[in-house]
């Protein structure tokens, strides 16, 4: 095959339209992403869960602009690691990549926790601990067999999830109309209730609700396959965040109107574990109220399927990340760079990740695991915003007012919102996440021979 033919084939890969990447982004985030968070976000914010979704949307939209700009500058790259490393410094890029690995690890952990919660809700006579072990073994076995969820399967699952969510929203509207009439559909209380509103409470809940948007940055990995990527990557990322915010906010808004007494989920429960379980399944209680057992069961099954897909894919992603580092000799190659000959899968890594996921699922609850994902994600988001600001505004030879509006302001607003959300994470999250970050910095010092070598960048993107 000639070089011209090879080049021609590469060019033919640029077939994805703006519509294609927006759908891809929504699939990554999932149409039901906000529902598992409803109970905890509503409880922490004292009945302002819808507000937290919208505040997080603002942070994500401005951060999406920064991602789009960095994808424009580095169109073959697709991660915060690369953007921060090239836009600021390789050391900072390494730390961002290190935080990304924590995200990779906690995605399957949170999915195991939620699938176990959901399965226990559907079959309460089987202990929760059994489901944790069952799903960890199941995810590990699926990945050891080399099975991956195809994009077509994800698309079908997205359609099914959307149908169930529409069913939930329609049932909630019907319930509200019957109970409070047409006027009952319009209320500011889910957004602002002067009796319970607290800036600190809303800030803390926003730090959790931001999990709704995690994954939007995956669009940047398609930079080399998108028509006009310099335009469409940014627009696609922004539209994905906007659509997700409106869609998720509508679901949470209707759930709050259907169950306005947010404190009743844990009322009468003195045990912390029982309270946590009640908040974990709060959205299912709402579904049962507005649509009966059929809707409750349908929503439970959909949330279970969504978490199984994300959990298996998350474990595979973490194991491949370890494989890339092992193959490059960053960590022991004999273990982490090993591939199973039969299935061509990094089986040692899959089993190692499986053990870590089991330990994490046993040690943490859903809220704690979700907040740890946001710790690493928002650290990386802040880095991308600063990298965009430096690359486009600070390095510009001539500073103009137009440049201030287009290049400085979006990245600055994105950074401030992300910093505010990050700082509102609980102390325990900072202790665990901070310990991980310190370990990464120590490892970086070792790899760079006392911070004397700068070429320590690792390829965290998909091969």
Protein backbone atom coordinates (compact mmCIF):
# COMPACT_ATOMS: atom_id res chain seq x y z
CA UNK A 1 0.00 0.00 0.00
CA UNK A 2 1.44 3.39 -0.95
CA UNK A 3 1.86 6.34 1.38
CA UNK A 4 -0.76 8.24 -0.62
CA UNK A 5 -3.32 5.49 -0.08
CA UNK A 6 -2.51 5.38 3.62
CA UNK A 7 -2.89 9.13 3.89
CA UNK A 8 -6.18 8.95 2.00
CA UNK A 9 -7.53 6.35 4.41
CA UNK A 10 -6.58 8.51 7.40
CA UNK A 11 -8.39 11.49 5.90
CA UNK A 12 -11.50 9.38 5.36
CA UNK A 13 -11.69 8.91 9.14
CA UNK A 14 -12.88 12.51 9.52
CA UNK A 15 -16.53 11.56 9.15
CA UNK A 16 -18.06 12.51 12.51
CA UNK A 17 -20.44 15.46 12.44
CA UNK A 18 -21.31 17.83 15.27
CA UNK A 19 -24.47 15.80 15.88
CA UNK A 20 -22.43 12.58 16.11
CA UNK A 21 -20.08 13.88 18.80
CA UNK A 22 -22.90 15.41 20.85
CA UNK A 23 -24.67 12.03 20.89
CA UNK A 24 -21.36 10.39 21.80
CA UNK A 25 -20.89 12.84 24.68
CA UNK A 26 -24.40 12.22 26.01
CA UNK A 27 -23.80 8.46 25.83
CA UNK A 28 -20.60 8.89 27.84
CA UNK A 29 -22.34 10.94 30.52
CA UNK A 30 -25.56 8.85 30.39
CA UNK A 31 -29.12 10.27 30.40
CA UNK A 32 -29.69 8.94 33.93
CA UNK A 33 -26.46 10.32 35.44
CA UNK A 34 -28.21 12.72 37.85
CA UNK A 35 -30.80 10.30 39.24
CA UNK A 36 -28.54 8.24 41.57
CA UNK A 37 -27.29 11.52 43.09
CA UNK A 38 -30.76 12.88 43.84
CA UNK A 39 -31.10 11.74 47.46
CA UNK A 40 -27.67 12.84 48.64
CA UNK A 41 -27.59 16.13 46.68
CA UNK A 42 -31.06 17.04 47.91
CA UNK A 43 -30.19 16.20 51.51
CA UNK A 44 -26.86 18.06 51.55
CA UNK A 45 -28.32 21.15 49.81
CA UNK A 46 -31.42 21.13 52.06
CA UNK A 47 -33.82 20.78 49.14
CA UNK A 48 -31.90 22.63 46.40
CA UNK A 49 -30.66 19.75 44.23
CA UNK A 50 -31.88 21.41 41.00
CA UNK A 51 -29.82 24.50 41.84
CA UNK A 52 -26.68 22.41 42.28
CA UNK A 53 -27.15 20.82 38.84
CA UNK A 54 -27.38 24.26 37.19
CA UNK A 55 -24.38 25.72 39.06
CA UNK A 56 -22.28 22.72 38.06
CA UNK A 57 -23.49 23.21 34.45
CA UNK A 58 -22.06 26.74 34.39
CA UNK A 59 -18.68 25.46 35.57
CA UNK A 60 -18.74 22.70 32.96
CA UNK A 61 -19.76 24.92 30.04
CA UNK A 62 -16.87 27.33 30.58
CA UNK A 63 -14.49 24.43 31.16
CA UNK A 64 -15.79 22.83 27.95
CA UNK A 65 -14.77 26.00 26.10
CA UNK A 66 -11.24 25.61 27.47
CA UNK A 67 -11.16 21.95 26.45
CA UNK A 68 -12.30 22.89 22.96
CA UNK A 69 -9.62 25.54 22.62
CA UNK A 70 -6.88 23.18 23.78
CA UNK A 71 -8.16 20.52 21.37
CA UNK A 72 -7.86 23.19 18.68
CA UNK A 73 -4.25 23.86 19.66
CA UNK A 74 -3.39 20.16 20.08
CA UNK A 75 -5.86 18.38 17.74
CA UNK A 76 -4.22 14.97 18.06
CA UNK A 77 -4.44 14.96 21.86
CA UNK A 78 -7.39 14.14 24.02
CA UNK A 79 -6.84 14.46 27.73
CA UNK A 80 -6.31 16.97 30.52
CA UNK A 81 -2.93 15.33 31.02
CA UNK A 82 -1.71 16.37 27.58
CA UNK A 83 -3.30 19.82 27.64
CA UNK A 84 -1.88 20.74 31.05
CA UNK A 85 1.50 19.17 30.27
CA UNK A 86 1.92 21.02 26.99
CA UNK A 87 0.12 24.21 28.01
CA UNK A 88 1.76 24.67 31.44
CA UNK A 89 4.51 22.22 32.37
CA UNK A 90 5.16 18.46 32.04
CA UNK A 91 5.30 18.14 35.83
CA UNK A 92 1.82 19.65 36.20
CA UNK A 93 0.65 17.45 33.35
CA UNK A 94 1.95 14.41 35.20
CA UNK A 95 0.06 15.41 38.36
CA UNK A 96 -3.11 15.94 36.29
CA UNK A 97 -2.61 12.50 34.75
CA UNK A 98 -2.06 11.04 38.20
CA UNK A 99 -5.39 12.52 39.31
CA UNK A 100 -7.01 11.06 36.18
CA UNK A 101 -5.95 7.58 37.25
CA UNK A 102 -7.82 8.07 40.53
CA UNK A 103 -10.91 8.88 38.44
CA UNK A 104 -10.41 5.72 36.38
CA UNK A 105 -10.16 3.70 39.60
CA UNK A 106 -13.19 5.16 41.33
CA UNK A 107 -15.56 4.89 38.36
CA UNK A 108 -15.80 1.06 38.67
CA UNK A 109 -15.88 1.42 42.47
CA UNK A 110 -18.89 3.74 42.38
CA UNK A 111 -20.58 1.50 39.81
CA UNK A 112 -20.08 -1.61 41.96
CA UNK A 113 -21.52 0.26 44.94
CA UNK A 114 -24.56 1.46 43.01
CA UNK A 115 -25.27 -1.84 41.22
CA UNK A 116 -25.10 -3.56 44.61
CA UNK A 117 -27.46 -0.97 46.13
CA UNK A 118 -29.90 -1.35 43.25
CA UNK A 119 -29.77 -5.16 43.24
CA UNK A 120 -30.31 -5.19 47.02
CA UNK A 121 -33.27 -2.83 46.54
CA UNK A 122 -34.80 -5.23 44.00
CA UNK A 123 -33.92 -8.42 45.93
CA UNK A 124 -33.62 -7.33 49.59
CA UNK A 125 -33.41 -10.90 50.88
CA UNK A 126 -29.91 -11.21 49.36
CA UNK A 127 -27.26 -9.37 51.45
CA UNK A 128 -25.61 -6.22 50.11
CA UNK A 129 -22.11 -7.70 50.70
CA UNK A 130 -22.94 -10.59 48.36
CA UNK A 131 -23.79 -8.19 45.56
CA UNK A 132 -20.50 -6.33 45.96
CA UNK A 133 -18.51 -9.54 45.54
CA UNK A 134 -20.82 -10.70 42.74
CA UNK A 135 -20.43 -7.56 40.64
CA UNK A 136 -16.67 -7.25 41.21
CA UNK A 137 -16.21 -10.83 40.02
CA UNK A 138 -18.63 -10.21 37.13
CA UNK A 139 -16.87 -7.06 35.89
CA UNK A 140 -13.48 -8.78 36.22
CA UNK A 141 -14.64 -11.89 34.35
CA UNK A 142 -16.16 -9.84 31.52
CA UNK A 143 -12.91 -7.94 31.01
CA UNK A 144 -10.75 -11.06 31.29
CA UNK A 145 -12.76 -12.57 28.46
CA UNK A 146 -11.96 -9.55 26.34
CA UNK A 147 -15.63 -8.55 25.98
CA UNK A 148 -16.35 -4.86 25.38
CA UNK A 149 -19.61 -2.99 25.02
CA UNK A 150 -19.90 -1.93 21.39
CA UNK A 151 -20.96 1.61 20.53
CA UNK A 152 -24.15 0.23 18.97
CA UNK A 153 -25.05 -1.41 22.28
CA UNK A 154 -24.41 1.86 24.07
CA UNK A 155 -26.64 3.69 21.61
CA UNK A 156 -29.46 1.20 22.13
CA UNK A 157 -29.02 1.44 25.89
CA UNK A 158 -29.16 5.23 25.65
CA UNK A 159 -32.48 5.03 23.79
CA UNK A 160 -33.93 2.62 26.36
CA UNK A 161 -32.69 4.81 29.23
CA UNK A 162 -34.21 7.90 27.60
CA UNK A 163 -37.58 6.15 27.21
CA UNK A 164 -37.64 5.20 30.90
CA UNK A 165 -36.59 8.73 31.92
CA UNK A 166 -39.37 10.20 29.76
CA UNK A 167 -41.76 7.75 31.44
CA UNK A 168 -40.53 8.92 34.85
CA UNK A 169 -40.90 12.60 33.93
CA UNK A 170 -44.38 12.07 32.44
CA UNK A 171 -45.49 10.15 35.55
CA UNK A 172 -44.12 12.93 37.78
CA UNK A 173 -45.95 15.61 35.76
CA UNK A 174 -49.18 13.60 35.98
CA UNK A 175 -48.73 13.17 39.75
CA UNK A 176 -48.11 16.91 40.26
CA UNK A 177 -51.10 17.88 38.09
CA UNK A 178 -53.43 15.61 40.04
CA UNK A 179 -52.16 16.77 43.43
CA UNK A 180 -51.51 20.50 42.88
CA UNK A 181 -53.01 21.38 39.52
CA UNK A 182 -51.28 23.08 36.58
CA UNK A 183 -49.82 25.80 38.81
CA UNK A 184 -48.04 23.11 40.79
CA UNK A 185 -45.67 22.52 37.87
CA UNK A 186 -44.13 25.96 38.35
CA UNK A 187 -42.26 26.69 41.55
CA UNK A 188 -39.03 28.40 42.58
CA UNK A 189 -38.70 26.30 45.75
CA UNK A 190 -36.51 23.61 44.11
CA UNK A 191 -34.12 26.43 43.17
CA UNK A 192 -34.51 28.75 46.14
CA UNK A 193 -36.30 28.16 49.42
CA UNK A 194 -35.52 31.04 51.83
CA UNK A 195 -36.35 28.83 54.82
CA UNK A 196 -33.54 26.36 54.16
CA UNK A 197 -31.20 28.03 51.64
CA UNK A 198 -27.54 28.07 52.63
CA UNK A 199 -24.61 29.01 50.40
CA UNK A 200 -22.39 26.50 52.19
CA UNK A 201 -24.92 23.68 51.86
CA UNK A 202 -25.52 24.37 48.17
CA UNK A 203 -21.76 24.58 47.58
CA UNK A 204 -21.16 21.23 49.26
CA UNK A 205 -23.98 19.59 47.30
CA UNK A 206 -22.73 21.09 44.03
CA UNK A 207 -19.40 19.35 44.64
CA UNK A 208 -21.37 16.08 44.51
CA UNK A 209 -23.87 17.01 41.77
CA UNK A 210 -20.99 17.87 39.42
CA UNK A 211 -20.55 14.11 38.95
CA UNK A 212 -23.50 14.40 36.54
CA UNK A 213 -21.16 15.91 33.93
CA UNK A 214 -18.05 13.79 34.38
CA UNK A 215 -17.11 12.30 31.02
CA UNK A 216 -17.98 15.23 28.73
CA UNK A 217 -14.24 15.72 28.06
CA UNK A 218 -14.19 12.33 26.31
CA UNK A 219 -15.32 14.20 23.20
CA UNK A 220 -11.79 15.56 22.82
CA UNK A 221 -10.49 12.04 22.16
CA UNK A 222 -12.32 12.18 18.81
CA UNK A 223 -10.38 15.22 17.57
CA UNK A 224 -8.75 13.32 14.69
CA UNK A 225 -12.05 11.84 13.46
CA UNK A 226 -14.29 14.92 13.51
CA UNK A 227 -15.14 17.13 10.57
CA UNK A 228 -13.75 20.61 11.24
CA UNK A 229 -12.47 19.74 14.74
CA UNK A 230 -11.27 23.28 15.42
CA UNK A 231 -14.93 24.35 15.45
CA UNK A 232 -16.95 21.26 16.28
CA UNK A 233 -15.04 19.94 19.30
CA UNK A 234 -15.68 23.09 21.29
CA UNK A 235 -19.31 23.44 20.18
CA UNK A 236 -19.91 19.73 20.80
CA UNK A 237 -18.49 19.86 24.33
CA UNK A 238 -20.52 22.96 25.21
CA UNK A 239 -23.74 21.52 23.75
CA UNK A 240 -23.20 18.24 25.60
CA UNK A 241 -22.90 20.09 28.94
CA UNK A 242 -25.87 22.36 28.15
CA UNK A 243 -28.17 19.53 27.06
CA UNK A 244 -27.11 17.41 30.05
CA UNK A 245 -27.74 20.29 32.43
CA UNK A 246 -31.23 21.07 31.11
CA UNK A 247 -32.15 17.39 30.82
CA UNK A 248 -30.83 16.38 34.25
CA UNK A 249 -32.09 19.57 35.89
CA UNK A 250 -35.61 18.85 34.58
CA UNK A 251 -35.55 15.34 36.04
CA UNK A 252 -34.38 16.55 39.44
CA UNK A 253 -36.81 19.51 39.41
CA UNK A 254 -39.79 17.20 38.84
CA UNK A 255 -38.51 14.76 41.47
CA UNK A 256 -38.32 17.61 44.00
CA UNK A 257 -41.85 18.79 43.19
CA UNK A 258 -43.11 15.22 43.54
CA UNK A 259 -41.39 14.80 46.91
CA UNK A 260 -40.99 18.34 48.38
CA UNK A 261 -40.27 17.15 51.94
CA UNK A 262 -36.58 16.40 51.37
CA UNK A 263 -35.95 15.62 55.04
CA UNK A 264 -38.51 12.82 55.15
CA UNK A 265 -36.22 10.33 53.37
CA UNK A 266 -34.17 9.93 56.55
CA UNK A 267 -36.80 10.95 59.10
CA UNK A 268 -36.98 8.50 61.99
CA UNK A 269 -33.74 6.76 61.00
CA UNK A 270 -31.09 7.13 63.71
CA UNK A 271 -28.57 4.70 62.23
CA UNK A 272 -26.11 6.35 59.80
CA UNK A 273 -26.06 3.30 57.53
CA UNK A 274 -29.85 3.23 57.29
CA UNK A 275 -29.91 6.96 56.49
CA UNK A 276 -27.30 6.50 53.77
CA UNK A 277 -29.26 3.59 52.26
CA UNK A 278 -32.43 5.69 52.24
CA UNK A 279 -30.67 8.48 50.35
CA UNK A 280 -29.11 5.99 47.93
CA UNK A 281 -32.57 4.75 46.92
CA UNK A 282 -34.42 8.08 47.24
CA UNK A 283 -35.06 8.43 43.50
CA UNK A 284 -36.61 4.95 43.45
CA UNK A 285 -38.94 6.00 46.26
CA UNK A 286 -39.99 8.98 44.13
CA UNK A 287 -40.52 6.68 41.13
CA UNK A 288 -42.70 4.41 43.25
CA UNK A 289 -44.78 7.39 44.43
CA UNK A 290 -45.43 8.81 40.95
CA UNK A 291 -45.56 5.63 38.89
CA UNK A 292 -45.99 2.71 41.25
CA UNK A 293 -43.98 -0.54 41.36
CA UNK A 294 -43.74 -0.76 37.54
CA UNK A 295 -41.86 2.53 37.22
CA UNK A 296 -39.83 1.78 40.35
CA UNK A 297 -38.77 -1.57 38.89
CA UNK A 298 -38.11 -0.17 35.40
CA UNK A 299 -35.94 2.63 36.74
CA UNK A 300 -34.06 0.24 39.01
CA UNK A 301 -33.29 -2.06 36.07
CA UNK A 302 -32.14 0.83 33.87
CA UNK A 303 -29.88 2.26 36.57
CA UNK A 304 -28.52 -1.24 37.14
CA UNK A 305 -27.75 -1.77 33.43
CA UNK A 306 -26.19 1.68 33.09
CA UNK A 307 -23.90 1.07 36.06
CA UNK A 308 -22.92 -2.39 34.82
CA UNK A 309 -21.88 -0.94 31.45
CA UNK A 310 -19.96 1.94 33.03
CA UNK A 311 -18.38 -0.26 35.69
CA UNK A 312 -17.07 -2.87 33.27
CA UNK A 313 -15.77 -0.18 30.91
CA UNK A 314 -14.24 1.75 33.80
CA UNK A 315 -12.35 -1.29 35.07
CA UNK A 316 -11.08 -1.98 31.56
CA UNK A 317 -9.99 1.64 31.20
CA UNK A 318 -8.07 1.54 34.48
CA UNK A 319 -6.36 -1.72 33.54
CA UNK A 320 -5.35 -0.33 30.14
CA UNK A 321 -3.99 2.79 31.76
CA UNK A 322 -1.77 0.59 33.93
CA UNK A 323 -0.79 -1.40 30.84
CA UNK A 324 0.31 1.75 28.99
CA UNK A 325 2.44 2.80 31.95
CA UNK A 326 3.87 -0.71 32.32
CA UNK A 327 4.61 -1.05 28.61
CA UNK A 328 6.54 2.23 28.72
CA UNK A 329 8.49 1.05 31.76
CA UNK A 330 7.09 3.68 34.10
CA UNK A 331 5.96 0.89 36.46
CA UNK A 332 7.21 -2.76 36.50
CA UNK A 333 6.82 -4.01 32.94
CA UNK A 334 6.70 -7.76 33.72
CA UNK A 335 3.49 -7.32 35.70
CA UNK A 336 1.75 -4.24 34.33
CA UNK A 337 2.98 -4.56 30.74
CA UNK A 338 1.82 -8.19 30.45
CA UNK A 339 -0.83 -9.27 27.94
CA UNK A 340 -2.80 -12.51 27.98
CA UNK A 341 -2.00 -14.33 24.72
CA UNK A 342 -5.44 -15.91 24.36
CA UNK A 343 -7.58 -12.79 24.75
CA UNK A 344 -4.94 -10.09 24.19
CA UNK A 345 -6.02 -8.41 27.43
CA UNK A 346 -3.92 -7.04 30.33
CA UNK A 347 -5.17 -9.80 32.63
CA UNK A 348 -2.81 -9.09 35.53
CA UNK A 349 -3.95 -5.47 35.59
CA UNK A 350 -7.62 -6.44 35.35
CA UNK A 351 -7.26 -8.67 38.40
CA UNK A 352 -5.26 -6.04 40.31
CA UNK A 353 -7.91 -3.42 39.57
CA UNK A 354 -10.60 -5.92 40.55
CA UNK A 355 -9.02 -6.35 44.00
CA UNK A 356 -8.71 -2.57 44.43
CA UNK A 357 -12.33 -2.09 43.37
CA UNK A 358 -13.46 -4.71 45.90
CA UNK A 359 -11.54 -2.99 48.70
CA UNK A 360 -12.89 0.42 47.68
CA UNK A 361 -16.49 -0.77 47.43
CA UNK A 362 -16.29 -2.36 50.89
CA UNK A 363 -14.59 0.65 52.52
CA UNK A 364 -16.55 3.55 50.99
CA UNK A 365 -20.17 4.48 50.41
CA UNK A 366 -21.63 5.93 47.21
CA UNK A 367 -21.31 9.57 48.24
CA UNK A 368 -17.67 9.24 49.35
CA UNK A 369 -16.65 7.46 46.13
CA UNK A 370 -18.48 10.04 44.00
CA UNK A 371 -16.73 12.92 45.75
CA UNK A 372 -13.33 11.29 45.23
CA UNK A 373 -14.02 11.11 41.50
CA UNK A 374 -14.78 14.82 41.54
CA UNK A 375 -11.59 15.56 43.51
CA UNK A 376 -9.39 14.30 40.69
CA UNK A 377 -11.64 15.51 37.88
CA UNK A 378 -11.95 19.10 39.07
CA UNK A 379 -8.23 19.34 39.76
CA UNK A 380 -7.69 18.42 36.11
CA UNK A 381 -10.47 20.80 34.97
CA UNK A 382 -8.80 23.70 36.77
CA UNK A 383 -5.53 22.82 35.09
CA UNK A 384 -7.10 22.85 31.62
CA UNK A 385 -8.71 26.25 32.28
CA UNK A 386 -5.38 27.73 33.36
CA UNK A 387 -3.59 26.11 30.40
CA UNK A 388 -6.15 27.60 27.99
CA UNK A 389 -5.83 31.04 29.61
CA UNK A 390 -2.04 30.93 29.31
CA UNK A 391 -1.96 29.47 25.80
CA UNK A 392 -4.44 31.91 24.26
CA UNK A 393 -4.28 35.08 26.35
CA UNK A 394 -1.11 35.37 28.40
CA UNK A 395 1.15 34.21 25.54
CA UNK A 396 -0.50 36.52 23.03
CA UNK A 397 1.87 39.21 21.77
CA UNK A 398 -0.88 41.82 21.86
CA UNK A 399 -3.53 41.86 24.61
CA UNK A 400 -6.87 43.17 23.35
CA UNK A 401 -10.30 43.66 24.86
CA UNK A 402 -11.67 41.10 22.38
CA UNK A 403 -9.02 38.65 23.56
CA UNK A 404 -10.00 39.37 27.15
CA UNK A 405 -13.65 38.54 26.38
CA UNK A 406 -12.95 35.47 24.23
CA UNK A 407 -9.80 33.99 25.77
CA UNK A 408 -9.39 35.26 29.34
CA UNK A 409 -12.94 35.51 30.65
CA UNK A 410 -14.30 32.00 29.79
CA UNK A 411 -11.20 30.24 31.14
CA UNK A 412 -11.14 32.50 34.21
CA UNK A 413 -14.83 31.93 35.00
CA UNK A 414 -14.42 28.18 34.44
CA UNK A 415 -11.44 28.08 36.80
CA UNK A 416 -13.20 30.08 39.54
CA UNK A 417 -16.34 27.88 39.41
CA UNK A 418 -14.28 24.67 39.37
CA UNK A 419 -12.14 25.94 42.26
CA UNK A 420 -15.27 26.80 44.25
CA UNK A 421 -16.71 23.32 43.69
CA UNK A 422 -13.36 21.65 44.48
CA UNK A 423 -12.89 23.59 47.72
CA UNK A 424 -16.37 22.54 48.88
CA UNK A 425 -15.42 18.87 48.88
CA UNK A 426 -15.41 17.31 52.40
CA UNK A 427 -12.26 17.05 54.51
CA UNK A 428 -12.18 13.24 54.18
CA UNK A 429 -12.12 13.59 50.40
CA UNK A 430 -9.16 15.97 50.62
CA UNK A 431 -7.32 13.60 52.98
CA UNK A 432 -7.73 10.59 50.69
CA UNK A 433 -7.31 12.51 47.44
CA UNK A 434 -4.47 14.61 48.84
CA UNK A 435 -2.63 11.48 49.98
CA UNK A 436 -2.89 10.10 46.47
CA UNK A 437 -1.63 13.37 44.96
CA UNK A 438 1.34 13.49 47.37
CA UNK A 439 2.20 9.90 46.45
CA UNK A 440 2.17 10.97 42.80
CA UNK A 441 4.46 13.93 43.46
CA UNK A 442 6.89 11.69 45.35
CA UNK A 443 6.83 9.22 42.47
CA UNK A 444 7.36 12.11 40.03
CA UNK A 445 10.41 13.20 42.02
CA UNK A 446 11.79 9.67 41.85
CA UNK A 447 11.13 9.32 38.10
CA UNK A 448 12.64 12.73 37.29
CA UNK A 449 15.71 12.12 39.45
CA UNK A 450 14.88 14.84 41.94
CA UNK A 451 12.90 16.98 39.48
CA UNK A 452 15.97 17.41 37.27
CA UNK A 453 14.48 15.77 34.16
CA UNK A 454 11.37 17.23 32.54
CA UNK A 455 10.58 14.47 30.06
CA UNK A 456 8.30 12.50 32.38
CA UNK A 457 5.08 12.70 30.38
CA UNK A 458 3.16 9.42 30.10
CA UNK A 459 0.61 8.76 27.39
CA UNK A 460 -2.71 8.42 29.24
CA UNK A 461 -4.80 8.53 26.06
CA UNK A 462 -6.33 5.49 24.37
CA UNK A 463 -3.95 3.67 22.02
